[in-house]
C-alpha atoms as a PDB file:
ATOM      1  CA  UNK A   1       0.000   0.000   0.000  1.00  0.00           C
ATOM      2  CA  UNK A   2       2.893   2.295   0.842  1.00  0.00           C
ATOM      3  CA  UNK A   3       4.432   1.828  -2.620  1.00  0.00           C
ATOM      4  CA  UNK A   4       1.119   2.427  -4.384  1.00  0.00           C
ATOM      5  CA  UNK A   5       0.696   5.692  -2.494  1.00  0.00           C
ATOM      6  CA  UNK A   6       4.226   6.718  -3.499  1.00  0.00           C
ATOM      7  CA  UNK A   7       3.403   6.140  -7.178  1.00  0.00           C
ATOM      8  CA  UNK A   8       0.139   8.056  -6.757  1.00  0.00           C
ATOM      9  CA  UNK A   9       1.995  10.978  -5.162  1.00  0.00           C
ATOM     10  CA  UNK A  10       4.568  10.875  -7.960  1.00  0.00           C
ATOM     11  CA  UNK A  11       1.778  10.971 -10.561  1.00  0.00           C
ATOM     12  CA  UNK A  12       0.256  13.983  -8.788  1.00  0.00           C
ATOM     13  CA  UNK A  13       3.685  15.626  -8.847  1.00  0.00           C
ATOM     14  CA  UNK A  14       3.896  14.969 -12.582  1.00  0.00           C
ATOM     15  CA  UNK A  15       0.453  16.533 -13.002  1.00  0.00           C
ATOM     16  CA  UNK A  16       1.538  19.671 -11.123  1.00  0.00           C
ATOM     17  CA  UNK A  17       4.786  19.842 -13.102  1.00  0.00           C
ATOM     18  CA  UNK A  18       2.841  19.572 -16.366  1.00  0.00           C
ATOM     19  CA  UNK A  19       0.600  22.417 -15.230  1.00  0.00           C
ATOM     20  CA  UNK A  20       3.335  24.820 -14.100  1.00  0.00           C
ATOM     21  CA  UNK A  21       6.568  24.006 -15.952  1.00  0.00           C
ATOM     22  CA  UNK A  22       6.771  25.153 -19.579  1.00  0.00           C
ATOM     23  CA  UNK A  23       7.936  22.311 -21.794  1.00  0.00           C
ATOM     24  CA  UNK A  24       6.436  19.522 -19.668  1.00  0.00           C
ATOM     25  CA  UNK A  25       3.233  18.197 -21.213  1.00  0.00           C
ATOM     26  CA  UNK A  26       1.096  15.699 -19.304  1.00  0.00           C
ATOM     27  CA  UNK A  27      -1.657  13.364 -20.331  1.00  0.00           C
ATOM     28  CA  UNK A  28      -4.468  11.497 -18.611  1.00  0.00           C
ATOM     29  CA  UNK A  29      -3.913  10.674 -14.954  1.00  0.00           C
ATOM     30  CA  UNK A  30      -3.741   6.895 -15.533  1.00  0.00           C
ATOM     31  CA  UNK A  31      -0.950   7.457 -18.045  1.00  0.00           C
ATOM     32  CA  UNK A  32       0.843   9.633 -15.495  1.00  0.00           C
ATOM     33  CA  UNK A  33       0.784   6.699 -13.072  1.00  0.00           C
ATOM     34  CA  UNK A  34       2.487   4.593 -15.769  1.00  0.00           C
ATOM     35  CA  UNK A  35       5.013   7.403 -16.296  1.00  0.00           C
ATOM     36  CA  UNK A  36       5.610   7.455 -12.524  1.00  0.00           C
ATOM     37  CA  UNK A  37       6.441   3.738 -12.661  1.00  0.00           C
ATOM     38  CA  UNK A  38       8.786   4.350 -15.620  1.00  0.00           C
ATOM     39  CA  UNK A  39      10.411   7.237 -13.773  1.00  0.00           C
ATOM     40  CA  UNK A  40      10.812   5.132 -10.642  1.00  0.00           C
ATOM     41  CA  UNK A  41      12.440   2.321 -12.635  1.00  0.00           C
ATOM     42  CA  UNK A  42      14.815   4.745 -14.356  1.00  0.00           C
ATOM     43  CA  UNK A  43      15.732   6.381 -11.050  1.00  0.00           C
ATOM     44  CA  UNK A  44      16.347   2.995  -9.454  1.00  0.00           C
ATOM     45  CA  UNK A  45      18.651   1.840 -12.256  1.00  0.00           C
ATOM     46  CA  UNK A  46      20.167   4.559 -14.427  1.00  0.00           C
ATOM     47  CA  UNK A  47      19.846   7.380 -11.890  1.00  0.00           C
ATOM     48  CA  UNK A  48      21.505   5.319  -9.175  1.00  0.00           C
ATOM     49  CA  UNK A  49      24.294   4.267 -11.547  1.00  0.00           C
ATOM     50  CA  UNK A  50      24.958   7.858 -12.649  1.00  0.00           C
ATOM     51  CA  UNK A  51      24.972   9.108  -9.060  1.00  0.00           C
ATOM     52  CA  UNK A  52      27.373   6.315  -8.089  1.00  0.00           C
ATOM     53  CA  UNK A  53      29.734   7.143 -10.962  1.00  0.00           C
ATOM     54  CA  UNK A  54      29.572  10.887 -10.231  1.00  0.00           C
ATOM     55  CA  UNK A  55      29.893  10.531  -6.448  1.00  0.00           C
ATOM     56  CA  UNK A  56      33.034  12.626  -6.055  1.00  0.00           C
ATOM     57  CA  UNK A  57      31.953  15.524  -8.334  1.00  0.00           C
ATOM     58  CA  UNK A  58      28.523  15.420  -6.678  1.00  0.00           C
ATOM     59  CA  UNK A  59      30.194  15.613  -3.270  1.00  0.00           C
ATOM     60  CA  UNK A  60      32.376  18.520  -4.385  1.00  0.00           C
ATOM     61  CA  UNK A  61      29.359  20.461  -5.696  1.00  0.00           C
ATOM     62  CA  UNK A  62      27.359  19.836  -2.504  1.00  0.00           C
ATOM     63  CA  UNK A  63      24.781  17.728  -4.371  1.00  0.00           C
ATOM     64  CA  UNK A  64      24.097  20.145  -7.233  1.00  0.00           C
ATOM     65  CA  UNK A  65      25.249  17.581  -9.785  1.00  0.00           C
ATOM     66  CA  UNK A  66      22.551  15.268  -8.425  1.00  0.00           C
ATOM     67  CA  UNK A  67      19.938  17.825  -9.469  1.00  0.00           C
ATOM     68  CA  UNK A  68      21.315  17.762 -13.001  1.00  0.00           C
ATOM     69  CA  UNK A  69      21.231  13.955 -13.019  1.00  0.00           C
ATOM     70  CA  UNK A  70      17.604  14.023 -11.842  1.00  0.00           C
ATOM     71  CA  UNK A  71      16.748  16.430 -14.664  1.00  0.00           C
ATOM     72  CA  UNK A  72      18.474  14.168 -17.184  1.00  0.00           C
ATOM     73  CA  UNK A  73      16.588  11.098 -15.949  1.00  0.00           C
ATOM     74  CA  UNK A  74      13.287  13.040 -16.004  1.00  0.00           C
ATOM     75  CA  UNK A  75      13.981  14.128 -19.587  1.00  0.00           C
ATOM     76  CA  UNK A  76      14.783  10.531 -20.530  1.00  0.00           C
ATOM     77  CA  UNK A  77      11.545   9.348 -18.896  1.00  0.00           C
ATOM     78  CA  UNK A  78       9.621  11.862 -21.005  1.00  0.00           C
ATOM     79  CA  UNK A  79      11.334  10.666 -24.180  1.00  0.00           C
ATOM     80  CA  UNK A  80      10.766   7.011 -23.310  1.00  0.00           C
ATOM     81  CA  UNK A  81       7.109   7.529 -22.417  1.00  0.00           C
ATOM     82  CA  UNK A  82       6.393   9.414 -25.640  1.00  0.00           C
ATOM     83  CA  UNK A  83       8.170   6.642 -27.588  1.00  0.00           C
ATOM     84  CA  UNK A  84       5.843   4.151 -25.889  1.00  0.00           C
ATOM     85  CA  UNK A  85       2.824   6.117 -27.124  1.00  0.00           C
ATOM     86  CA  UNK A  86       1.976   7.901 -23.874  1.00  0.00           C
ATOM     87  CA  UNK A  87       1.025  11.569 -23.962  1.00  0.00           C
ATOM     88  CA  UNK A  88       3.659  12.692 -21.424  1.00  0.00           C
ATOM     89  CA  UNK A  89       6.446  14.723 -23.083  1.00  0.00           C
ATOM     90  CA  UNK A  90       9.412  16.754 -21.890  1.00  0.00           C
ATOM     91  CA  UNK A  91      10.709  19.183 -24.501  1.00  0.00           C
ATOM     92  CA  UNK A  92      14.281  19.672 -23.304  1.00  0.00           C
ATOM     93  CA  UNK A  93      16.826  19.335 -20.537  1.00  0.00           C
ATOM     94  CA  UNK A  94      15.851  22.472 -18.645  1.00  0.00           C
ATOM     95  CA  UNK A  95      12.189  21.541 -18.766  1.00  0.00           C
ATOM     96  CA  UNK A  96      13.261  18.168 -17.372  1.00  0.00           C
ATOM     97  CA  UNK A  97      15.341  19.855 -14.670  1.00  0.00           C
ATOM     98  CA  UNK A  98      12.508  22.079 -13.470  1.00  0.00           C
ATOM     99  CA  UNK A  99       9.931  19.336 -13.937  1.00  0.00           C
ATOM    100  CA  UNK A 100      11.969  16.942 -11.798  1.00  0.00           C
ATOM    101  CA  UNK A 101      12.381  19.601  -9.130  1.00  0.00           C
ATOM    102  CA  UNK A 102       8.666  20.451  -9.002  1.00  0.00           C
ATOM    103  CA  UNK A 103       7.380  16.880  -9.204  1.00  0.00           C
ATOM    104  CA  UNK A 104       9.758  15.562  -6.543  1.00  0.00           C
ATOM    105  CA  UNK A 105       8.912  18.477  -4.245  1.00  0.00           C
ATOM    106  CA  UNK A 106       5.174  17.821  -4.603  1.00  0.00           C
ATOM    107  CA  UNK A 107       5.586  14.062  -4.150  1.00  0.00           C
ATOM    108  CA  UNK A 108       7.850  14.591  -1.141  1.00  0.00           C
ATOM    109  CA  UNK A 109       5.457  17.001   0.559  1.00  0.00           C
ATOM    110  CA  UNK A 110       2.490  14.670  -0.029  1.00  0.00           C
ATOM    111  CA  UNK A 111       4.489  11.744   1.356  1.00  0.00           C
ATOM    112  CA  UNK A 112       5.510  13.781   4.381  1.00  0.00           C
ATOM    113  CA  UNK A 113       1.890  14.725   5.082  1.00  0.00           C
ATOM    114  CA  UNK A 114       0.053  11.480   4.387  1.00  0.00           C
ATOM    115  CA  UNK A 115       2.480   8.619   5.033  1.00  0.00           C
ATOM    116  CA  UNK A 116       3.129   7.561   8.630  1.00  0.00           C
ATOM    117  CA  UNK A 117       6.600   7.746  10.062  1.00  0.00           C
ATOM    118  CA  UNK A 118       8.270   4.552  11.245  1.00  0.00           C
ATOM    119  CA  UNK A 119       9.881   4.385  14.659  1.00  0.00           C
ATOM    120  CA  UNK A 120      13.590   3.700  14.586  1.00  0.00           C
ATOM    121  CA  UNK A 121      14.357   0.122  15.423  1.00  0.00           C
ATOM    122  CA  UNK A 122      10.789  -1.110  14.982  1.00  0.00           C
ATOM    123  CA  UNK A 123       8.683  -2.490  12.201  1.00  0.00           C
ATOM    124  CA  UNK A 124       6.441   0.561  12.249  1.00  0.00           C
ATOM    125  CA  UNK A 125       3.219  -1.235  13.114  1.00  0.00           C
ATOM    126  CA  UNK A 126       3.684  -1.585  16.877  1.00  0.00           C
ATOM    127  CA  UNK A 127       1.875   0.855  19.147  1.00  0.00           C
ATOM    128  CA  UNK A 128       4.057   3.460  20.777  1.00  0.00           C
ATOM    129  CA  UNK A 129       4.935   2.974  24.416  1.00  0.00           C
ATOM    130  CA  UNK A 130       4.284   5.869  26.743  1.00  0.00           C
ATOM    131  CA  UNK A 131       6.587   6.396  29.706  1.00  0.00           C
ATOM    132  CA  UNK A 132       4.787   7.280  32.906  1.00  0.00           C
ATOM    133  CA  UNK A 133       6.835   9.238  35.387  1.00  0.00           C
ATOM    134  CA  UNK A 134       5.739   8.866  38.998  1.00  0.00           C
ATOM    135  CA  UNK A 135       6.314  11.981  41.103  1.00  0.00           C
END
């Protein structure tokens, strides 16, 4: 359920990015969910590989290179989804950069609001223990 909500939040982020970022063109919401799955797969494979290869330059730029990698992966996801016949398109690198920034911010804020936090060291489904201090 947690993963499905993450993909839903990512699709909502793509919808907001398509509405506000010039050069990012969305489609129907069900297609945006498919694009969110494509984007998640690209981030898990290619994005992780690029960030691993560029670890030292990313460290030296205080993570700014990671933003460029995210924009590149977002642009690639737009190209791949339009090649698959989906209506989602990204017209260039800078549209991909700003689209990735907006969509990840929206998805992150929605996840922060609606998804429960896990306690450290626990599975996340146990009830919290309350300490009672006797005076």
